[in-house]
Amino acid sequence: MRSIAPTPARRFSASEGTGQKPPRRRIELTISLAGSRALSFMESSAAGRVLHVFDNSVYLENETGGLACLGGPIVGAAPLNAVADLGEGFPGWRLLLEEGDPVSFDGKTILVGNNLALGFHGTRPWRPALPALPIRPRLLAVHLEALRAACSASAPRQGLGFLLAKQGAPASHRASAATQTTGGLGHFLAARAGMALAALEGWLRRSLPPGTRLAANTLAVDRLAVDRLAAPPSGEAAGLIGLGPGLTPSGDDLIGGMGIALHAIGRPGLAHLLGGWAVSLARTRSTAISLAHLSAACDGEGAAALHGVLNGLGRDPNWAPRLHPGDPFFHGHTSGWDALAGIAAVMAAFLAVNGAGRAT
């Protein structure tokens, strides 16, 4: 299936991001693991620049529109992530790089800024594994309740993770959103998200016909044909696109979680339909980084922690939610929780049309 291009190409001038810095010792790192999008970034050998610098990671952008997220082991495996072995004495990304610093290639080395060289000879590629077991609806119903209980106790209120604890009938979202935040921007975002999510859940239920067998590792031709006939989500659902602050708004992360989950239940056609709809809107409503993550998610790839949930949810009798707030995946942002809300919405829609008592 054709990938959805995340961002249009752009050009970089030779002078862009070349501000003078004090001389510093050159640091050489090795990229040990990289997701599919990060590998494409490295293999293109296209010039670029540092797009954003954070405490634990750096986003790099090249002139073809490709993005990669460079970080240490704490960032974990994900399609955009290039994981480097930092070693002792690493000064930190904010001390080493600035936004606008140039990115260039020298053989098997990525040169970033004036003092950082990244070797990627022998980098191990990472792609998420497909679920090994089929979904068992009755088990999925039990797991969803456990997931909601865990998230009710741990999910932050700043994003959309609180919706996990309230998913049920779409009509409940407006009331639940209003009770989870108190006034101001938080109340506005939550109420708007509840209405848009109800519209998306309606689309999911219409697009997942009853009795569909969702077995792992199968792509039935008739299922793809049905997906091609589906209509995109309604205009009301567009309220999620770009909803929320930050470089990956909560609404985008939630839709990304839906895309990954649709692939995991064997509906890539619907995932690409959702992705094409979301990305076309996000080009004018969101950020380049969020577009890149949305594109990867609707191709079926997200953070390893999300795939760990999908590989066990409704499949493994021994699975239980382990959502420790100290886990790097959930620390310092709401993206992980927001994506989980999207995953749970897809699974709840599956149960609504197939029933917890049916066998797959």
Protein backbone atom coordinates (compact mmCIF):
# COMPACT_ATOMS: atom_id res chain seq x y z
CA MET A 1 0.00 0.00 0.00
CA ARG A 2 1.33 3.44 -0.91
CA SER A 3 2.64 5.48 1.99
CA ILE A 4 1.15 8.90 2.69
CA ALA A 5 3.76 11.62 2.16
CA PRO A 6 4.01 13.53 5.46
CA THR A 7 5.34 16.90 4.28
CA PRO A 8 6.09 18.71 1.04
CA ALA A 9 9.74 18.99 -0.01
CA ARG A 10 11.66 22.15 0.83
CA ARG A 11 15.08 23.51 -0.05
CA PHE A 12 17.87 24.58 2.27
CA SER A 13 20.35 27.28 1.45
CA ALA A 14 24.02 26.87 2.23
CA SER A 15 23.81 29.64 4.82
CA GLU A 16 20.76 28.32 6.66
CA GLY A 17 21.48 27.48 10.28
CA THR A 18 25.25 28.08 10.12
CA GLY A 19 25.60 30.48 13.02
CA GLN A 20 29.12 30.51 14.48
CA LYS A 21 29.69 28.68 17.76
CA PRO A 22 32.69 28.42 20.02
CA PRO A 23 35.02 25.55 19.04
CA ARG A 24 34.11 22.36 20.85
CA ARG A 25 35.40 18.82 20.94
CA ARG A 26 33.87 16.71 18.17
CA ILE A 27 31.52 14.06 19.53
CA GLU A 28 31.12 10.81 17.61
CA LEU A 29 28.09 8.61 18.24
CA THR A 30 26.75 5.42 16.68
CA ILE A 31 23.12 4.94 15.74
CA SER A 32 22.38 1.42 16.89
CA LEU A 33 18.68 1.15 15.95
CA ALA A 34 16.40 3.06 13.60
CA GLY A 35 12.74 2.86 12.57
CA SER A 36 11.61 2.75 8.96
CA ARG A 37 11.20 6.52 8.57
CA ALA A 38 14.53 7.24 10.25
CA LEU A 39 16.24 4.74 7.95
CA SER A 40 14.73 6.46 4.91
CA PHE A 41 16.02 9.77 6.24
CA MET A 42 19.54 8.40 6.57
CA GLU A 43 19.55 6.55 3.26
CA SER A 44 18.44 9.64 1.34
CA SER A 45 21.71 11.45 2.19
CA ALA A 46 19.82 14.71 1.64
CA ALA A 47 21.03 17.88 3.33
CA GLY A 48 18.89 19.36 6.06
CA ARG A 49 18.80 21.11 9.40
CA VAL A 50 17.96 20.67 13.07
CA LEU A 51 14.24 21.32 13.36
CA HIS A 52 13.68 21.15 17.14
CA VAL A 53 15.85 20.41 20.18
CA PHE A 54 14.47 18.84 23.36
CA ASP A 55 16.04 17.48 26.54
CA ASN A 56 15.95 13.85 25.34
CA SER A 57 15.80 14.14 21.56
CA VAL A 58 16.40 16.20 18.45
CA TYR A 59 14.24 16.34 15.34
CA LEU A 60 16.11 16.53 12.04
CA GLU A 61 14.49 17.61 8.76
CA ASN A 62 15.93 17.18 5.27
CA GLU A 63 15.24 18.97 2.01
CA THR A 64 13.05 16.14 0.68
CA GLY A 65 10.59 16.56 3.56
CA GLY A 66 11.86 13.59 5.59
CA LEU A 67 12.08 13.72 9.37
CA ALA A 68 13.98 11.71 11.96
CA CYS A 69 13.99 11.88 15.75
CA LEU A 70 17.49 11.42 17.18
CA GLY A 71 17.83 10.40 20.81
CA GLY A 72 19.37 8.02 23.29
CA PRO A 73 17.89 4.71 24.44
CA ILE A 74 15.27 6.56 26.48
CA VAL A 75 13.30 7.47 23.31
CA GLY A 76 12.73 3.80 22.51
CA ALA A 77 11.88 2.13 19.21
CA ALA A 78 9.48 3.97 16.87
CA PRO A 79 9.27 4.60 13.11
CA LEU A 80 10.87 8.06 13.22
CA ASN A 81 13.39 7.27 15.96
CA ALA A 82 17.14 6.89 15.45
CA VAL A 83 18.52 5.58 18.74
CA ALA A 84 22.14 6.50 19.46
CA ASP A 85 24.51 5.02 22.03
CA LEU A 86 25.31 8.13 24.08
CA GLY A 87 27.81 6.76 26.56
CA GLU A 88 29.13 8.53 29.64
CA GLY A 89 29.90 12.22 29.54
CA PHE A 90 27.37 13.11 26.85
CA PRO A 91 26.75 16.85 27.31
CA GLY A 92 23.05 16.82 26.38
CA TRP A 93 21.29 17.81 23.19
CA ARG A 94 20.50 21.38 24.24
CA LEU A 95 24.15 22.11 24.98
CA LEU A 96 25.32 20.47 21.78
CA LEU A 97 22.85 21.65 19.14
CA GLU A 98 20.57 24.51 18.23
CA GLU A 99 17.57 24.77 15.96
CA GLY A 100 18.74 25.59 12.44
CA ASP A 101 22.09 23.82 12.73
CA PRO A 102 23.00 22.17 9.39
CA VAL A 103 22.73 18.45 8.69
CA SER A 104 24.91 16.86 6.00
CA PHE A 105 26.25 13.45 5.03
CA ASP A 106 29.80 12.21 4.59
CA GLY A 107 29.73 8.62 3.40
CA LYS A 108 28.34 6.58 6.29
CA THR A 109 28.39 9.53 8.70
CA ILE A 110 25.75 12.15 9.46
CA LEU A 111 27.26 15.50 10.39
CA VAL A 112 25.00 17.61 12.61
CA GLY A 113 26.01 21.12 13.56
CA ASN A 114 29.70 21.81 14.01
CA ASN A 115 30.65 19.09 16.46
CA LEU A 116 28.46 15.99 16.13
CA ALA A 117 29.15 13.00 13.87
CA LEU A 118 26.72 10.07 13.74
CA GLY A 119 27.82 6.75 12.33
CA PHE A 120 25.10 4.47 11.00
CA HIS A 121 27.04 1.63 9.42
CA GLY A 122 25.46 -1.53 10.80
CA THR A 123 22.41 0.23 12.26
CA ARG A 124 19.75 -2.35 13.13
CA PRO A 125 16.40 -1.64 11.43
CA TRP A 126 13.25 -1.79 13.53
CA ARG A 127 9.71 -2.50 12.42
CA PRO A 128 6.83 -3.53 14.69
CA ALA A 129 5.88 -7.19 14.64
CA LEU A 130 2.38 -8.18 13.57
CA PRO A 131 0.19 -9.66 16.31
CA ALA A 132 0.78 -13.40 16.59
CA LEU A 133 -2.68 -14.27 17.96
CA PRO A 134 -6.23 -13.55 16.74
CA ILE A 135 -8.55 -11.30 18.72
CA ARG A 136 -10.90 -13.05 21.14
CA PRO A 137 -13.84 -10.65 21.65
CA ARG A 138 -14.79 -11.93 25.09
CA LEU A 139 -11.19 -11.51 26.28
CA LEU A 140 -10.99 -8.11 24.59
CA ALA A 141 -13.99 -6.90 26.59
CA VAL A 142 -12.22 -7.88 29.83
CA HIS A 143 -8.96 -6.27 28.74
CA LEU A 144 -10.65 -3.00 27.74
CA GLU A 145 -12.20 -2.69 31.18
CA ALA A 146 -8.79 -3.28 32.77
CA LEU A 147 -7.20 -0.70 30.47
CA ARG A 148 -9.84 1.89 31.32
CA ALA A 149 -9.40 1.29 35.04
CA ALA A 150 -5.62 1.66 34.77
CA CYS A 151 -5.91 4.84 32.74
CA SER A 152 -8.53 6.31 35.05
CA ALA A 153 -5.96 6.15 37.84
CA SER A 154 -2.90 7.27 35.83
CA ALA A 155 -3.80 9.30 32.73
CA PRO A 156 -3.02 13.03 32.92
CA ARG A 157 -5.85 15.52 32.54
CA GLN A 158 -3.94 17.81 30.17
CA GLY A 159 -4.52 15.66 27.09
CA LEU A 160 -7.25 13.29 25.93
CA GLY A 161 -6.22 10.23 27.89
CA PHE A 162 -9.12 10.76 30.28
CA LEU A 163 -11.45 9.69 27.45
CA LEU A 164 -10.12 6.16 27.94
CA ALA A 165 -11.98 5.84 31.20
CA LYS A 166 -15.26 7.04 29.70
CA GLN A 167 -15.50 5.29 26.35
CA GLY A 168 -18.85 3.67 25.79
CA ALA A 169 -21.81 5.21 24.04
CA PRO A 170 -20.64 8.20 21.93
CA ALA A 171 -23.30 10.40 23.53
CA SER A 172 -21.42 10.15 26.84
CA HIS A 173 -18.38 12.03 25.57
CA ARG A 174 -19.77 15.55 25.89
CA ALA A 175 -20.69 15.05 29.54
CA SER A 176 -17.52 13.19 30.46
CA ALA A 177 -15.33 15.80 28.78
CA ALA A 178 -17.00 18.61 30.70
CA THR A 179 -16.48 16.90 34.05
CA GLN A 180 -12.79 16.11 33.55
CA THR A 181 -11.52 19.68 33.15
CA THR A 182 -12.43 22.90 34.88
CA GLY A 183 -12.99 25.91 32.63
CA GLY A 184 -10.64 27.70 30.25
CA LEU A 185 -8.72 26.09 27.40
CA GLY A 186 -8.81 22.60 28.93
CA HIS A 187 -12.61 22.58 29.07
CA PHE A 188 -12.88 23.84 25.48
CA LEU A 189 -10.47 21.22 24.10
CA ALA A 190 -12.07 18.38 26.03
CA ALA A 191 -15.62 19.27 24.98
CA ARG A 192 -14.60 19.67 21.35
CA ALA A 193 -12.67 16.40 21.42
CA GLY A 194 -15.67 14.55 22.86
CA MET A 195 -17.95 15.65 20.03
CA ALA A 196 -15.38 14.87 17.33
CA LEU A 197 -14.53 11.48 18.84
CA ALA A 198 -18.22 10.56 18.90
CA ALA A 199 -18.34 11.30 15.16
CA LEU A 200 -15.23 9.18 14.54
CA GLU A 201 -16.65 6.30 16.57
CA GLY A 202 -19.79 6.44 14.45
CA TRP A 203 -17.62 6.20 11.34
CA LEU A 204 -15.77 3.21 12.77
CA ARG A 205 -18.98 1.34 13.57
CA ARG A 206 -20.35 1.96 10.10
CA SER A 207 -17.07 0.84 8.52
CA LEU A 208 -16.60 -2.36 10.54
CA PRO A 209 -19.52 -4.57 9.45
CA PRO A 210 -20.85 -7.19 11.92
CA GLY A 211 -19.42 -10.67 11.64
CA THR A 212 -16.09 -9.55 10.15
CA ARG A 213 -13.40 -12.08 10.99
CA LEU A 214 -10.28 -10.20 12.13
CA ALA A 215 -7.52 -12.80 12.21
CA ALA A 216 -3.87 -11.89 12.67
CA ASN A 217 -1.50 -11.81 9.69
CA THR A 218 -4.25 -12.01 7.05
CA LEU A 219 -5.36 -9.46 4.47
CA ALA A 220 -8.52 -10.82 2.83
CA VAL A 221 -9.18 -9.48 -0.68
CA ASP A 222 -12.89 -8.99 0.00
CA ARG A 223 -12.08 -6.97 3.12
CA LEU A 224 -9.86 -4.60 1.13
CA ALA A 225 -12.62 -4.24 -1.47
CA VAL A 226 -15.11 -3.28 1.26
CA ASP A 227 -12.66 -0.75 2.69
CA ARG A 228 -12.25 0.92 -0.72
CA LEU A 229 -15.99 1.59 -0.80
CA ALA A 230 -16.06 3.25 2.63
CA ALA A 231 -16.56 7.00 2.89
CA PRO A 232 -14.10 9.14 4.88
CA PRO A 233 -15.12 10.44 8.32
CA SER A 234 -17.63 13.27 8.57
CA GLY A 235 -16.82 16.96 8.89
CA GLU A 236 -17.57 16.99 12.61
CA ALA A 237 -14.73 14.51 13.21
CA ALA A 238 -12.29 17.02 11.71
CA GLY A 239 -12.40 18.88 15.02
CA LEU A 240 -9.73 16.49 16.31
CA ILE A 241 -7.13 17.46 13.69
CA GLY A 242 -4.56 19.78 15.26
CA LEU A 243 -6.54 19.89 18.51
CA GLY A 244 -4.35 20.70 21.48
CA PRO A 245 -1.02 22.42 22.09
CA GLY A 246 2.45 21.15 21.24
CA LEU A 247 4.23 19.72 18.22
CA THR A 248 2.05 16.59 18.21
CA PRO A 249 -1.43 17.79 19.25
CA SER A 250 -3.53 15.37 21.27
CA GLY A 251 -6.16 15.01 18.57
CA ASP A 252 -3.55 13.96 16.01
CA ASP A 253 -2.06 11.41 18.42
CA LEU A 254 -5.50 9.93 19.06
CA ILE A 255 -6.15 9.50 15.33
CA GLY A 256 -2.68 7.98 14.95
CA GLY A 257 -3.58 5.41 17.60
CA MET A 258 -6.69 4.56 15.60
CA GLY A 259 -4.62 4.02 12.46
CA ILE A 260 -2.22 1.64 14.18
CA ALA A 261 -5.11 -0.29 15.73
CA LEU A 262 -6.93 -0.64 12.39
CA HIS A 263 -3.80 -2.27 10.95
CA ALA A 264 -3.55 -4.55 13.99
CA ILE A 265 -7.08 -5.86 13.46
CA GLY A 266 -6.45 -6.46 9.75
CA ARG A 267 -8.10 -3.37 8.23
CA PRO A 268 -5.25 -1.51 6.46
CA GLY A 269 -7.66 -0.13 3.86
CA LEU A 270 -9.60 1.75 6.54
CA ALA A 271 -6.34 2.88 8.16
CA HIS A 272 -5.17 4.41 4.88
CA LEU A 273 -8.56 6.00 4.28
CA LEU A 274 -8.42 7.54 7.76
CA GLY A 275 -4.81 8.59 7.22
CA GLY A 276 -5.42 10.22 3.85
CA TRP A 277 -8.34 12.18 5.32
CA ALA A 278 -6.39 13.24 8.42
CA VAL A 279 -3.14 14.15 6.68
CA SER A 280 -4.88 16.28 4.05
CA LEU A 281 -6.50 18.33 6.82
CA ALA A 282 -3.43 18.38 9.05
CA ARG A 283 -1.31 20.07 6.37
CA THR A 284 -2.99 23.36 7.24
CA ARG A 285 -3.99 22.65 10.86
CA SER A 286 -1.01 20.92 12.46
CA THR A 287 2.80 20.65 12.42
CA ALA A 288 5.37 18.90 10.24
CA ILE A 289 6.32 16.60 13.12
CA SER A 290 2.73 15.61 13.76
CA LEU A 291 2.18 14.99 10.04
CA ALA A 292 5.15 12.61 9.99
CA HIS A 293 3.85 10.66 12.99
CA LEU A 294 0.31 10.55 11.54
CA SER A 295 1.64 9.23 8.23
CA ALA A 296 3.61 6.45 9.94
CA ALA A 297 0.69 5.52 12.20
CA CYS A 298 -1.74 5.16 9.33
CA ASP A 299 0.83 2.92 7.64
CA GLY A 300 0.58 0.77 10.78
CA GLU A 301 3.69 1.89 12.66
CA GLY A 302 3.91 3.57 16.05
CA ALA A 303 5.98 3.44 19.21
CA ALA A 304 6.99 -0.02 20.40
CA ALA A 305 5.02 0.46 23.62
CA LEU A 306 1.79 0.88 21.62
CA HIS A 307 2.45 -2.30 19.65
CA GLY A 308 3.08 -4.09 22.92
CA VAL A 309 -0.45 -3.15 23.99
CA LEU A 310 -1.95 -4.18 20.63
CA ASN A 311 -0.16 -7.53 20.60
CA GLY A 312 -1.71 -8.46 23.95
CA LEU A 313 -5.05 -6.65 24.07
CA GLY A 314 -7.80 -9.21 23.50
CA ARG A 315 -5.26 -11.83 22.40
CA ASP A 316 -3.04 -12.92 25.30
CA PRO A 317 -4.87 -14.24 28.40
CA ASN A 318 -1.91 -13.20 30.54
CA TRP A 319 -1.85 -9.60 29.28
CA ALA A 320 -2.46 -6.81 31.79
CA PRO A 321 -2.03 -3.03 31.38
CA ARG A 322 1.25 -1.81 32.81
CA LEU A 323 1.04 1.94 32.42
CA HIS A 324 3.57 3.22 34.89
CA PRO A 325 3.76 7.04 34.75
CA GLY A 326 7.54 6.79 35.14
CA ASP A 327 7.86 4.89 31.84
CA PRO A 328 9.63 7.13 29.29
CA PHE A 329 6.76 6.55 26.87
CA PHE A 330 4.35 8.34 29.22
CA HIS A 331 6.74 10.81 30.83
CA GLY A 332 6.72 14.53 30.06
CA HIS A 333 3.95 14.55 27.43
CA THR A 334 0.50 13.14 26.71
CA SER A 335 1.14 11.53 23.32
CA GLY A 336 1.19 7.95 24.61
CA TRP A 337 -2.07 8.35 26.51
CA ASP A 338 -3.75 10.08 23.56
CA ALA A 339 -2.73 7.29 21.18
CA LEU A 340 -4.04 4.69 23.65
CA ALA A 341 -7.40 6.48 23.58
CA GLY A 342 -7.47 5.99 19.80
CA ILE A 343 -6.58 2.31 20.14
CA ALA A 344 -9.32 1.77 22.71
CA ALA A 345 -11.86 3.53 20.47
CA VAL A 346 -11.15 1.11 17.61
CA MET A 347 -11.38 -1.91 19.91
CA ALA A 348 -14.61 -0.64 21.45
CA ALA A 349 -16.08 -0.19 17.96
CA PHE A 350 -15.04 -3.74 17.07
CA LEU A 351 -16.87 -5.05 20.13
CA ALA A 352 -19.93 -2.93 19.37
CA VAL A 353 -20.38 -4.50 15.93
CA ASN A 354 -19.10 -8.01 16.63
CA GLY A 355 -20.19 -8.55 20.23
CA ALA A 356 -18.19 -9.97 23.11
CA GLY A 357 -19.83 -13.33 22.71
CA ARG A 358 -18.79 -14.00 19.11
CA ALA A 359 -15.76 -16.01 18.13
CA THR A 360 -13.25 -14.82 15.54
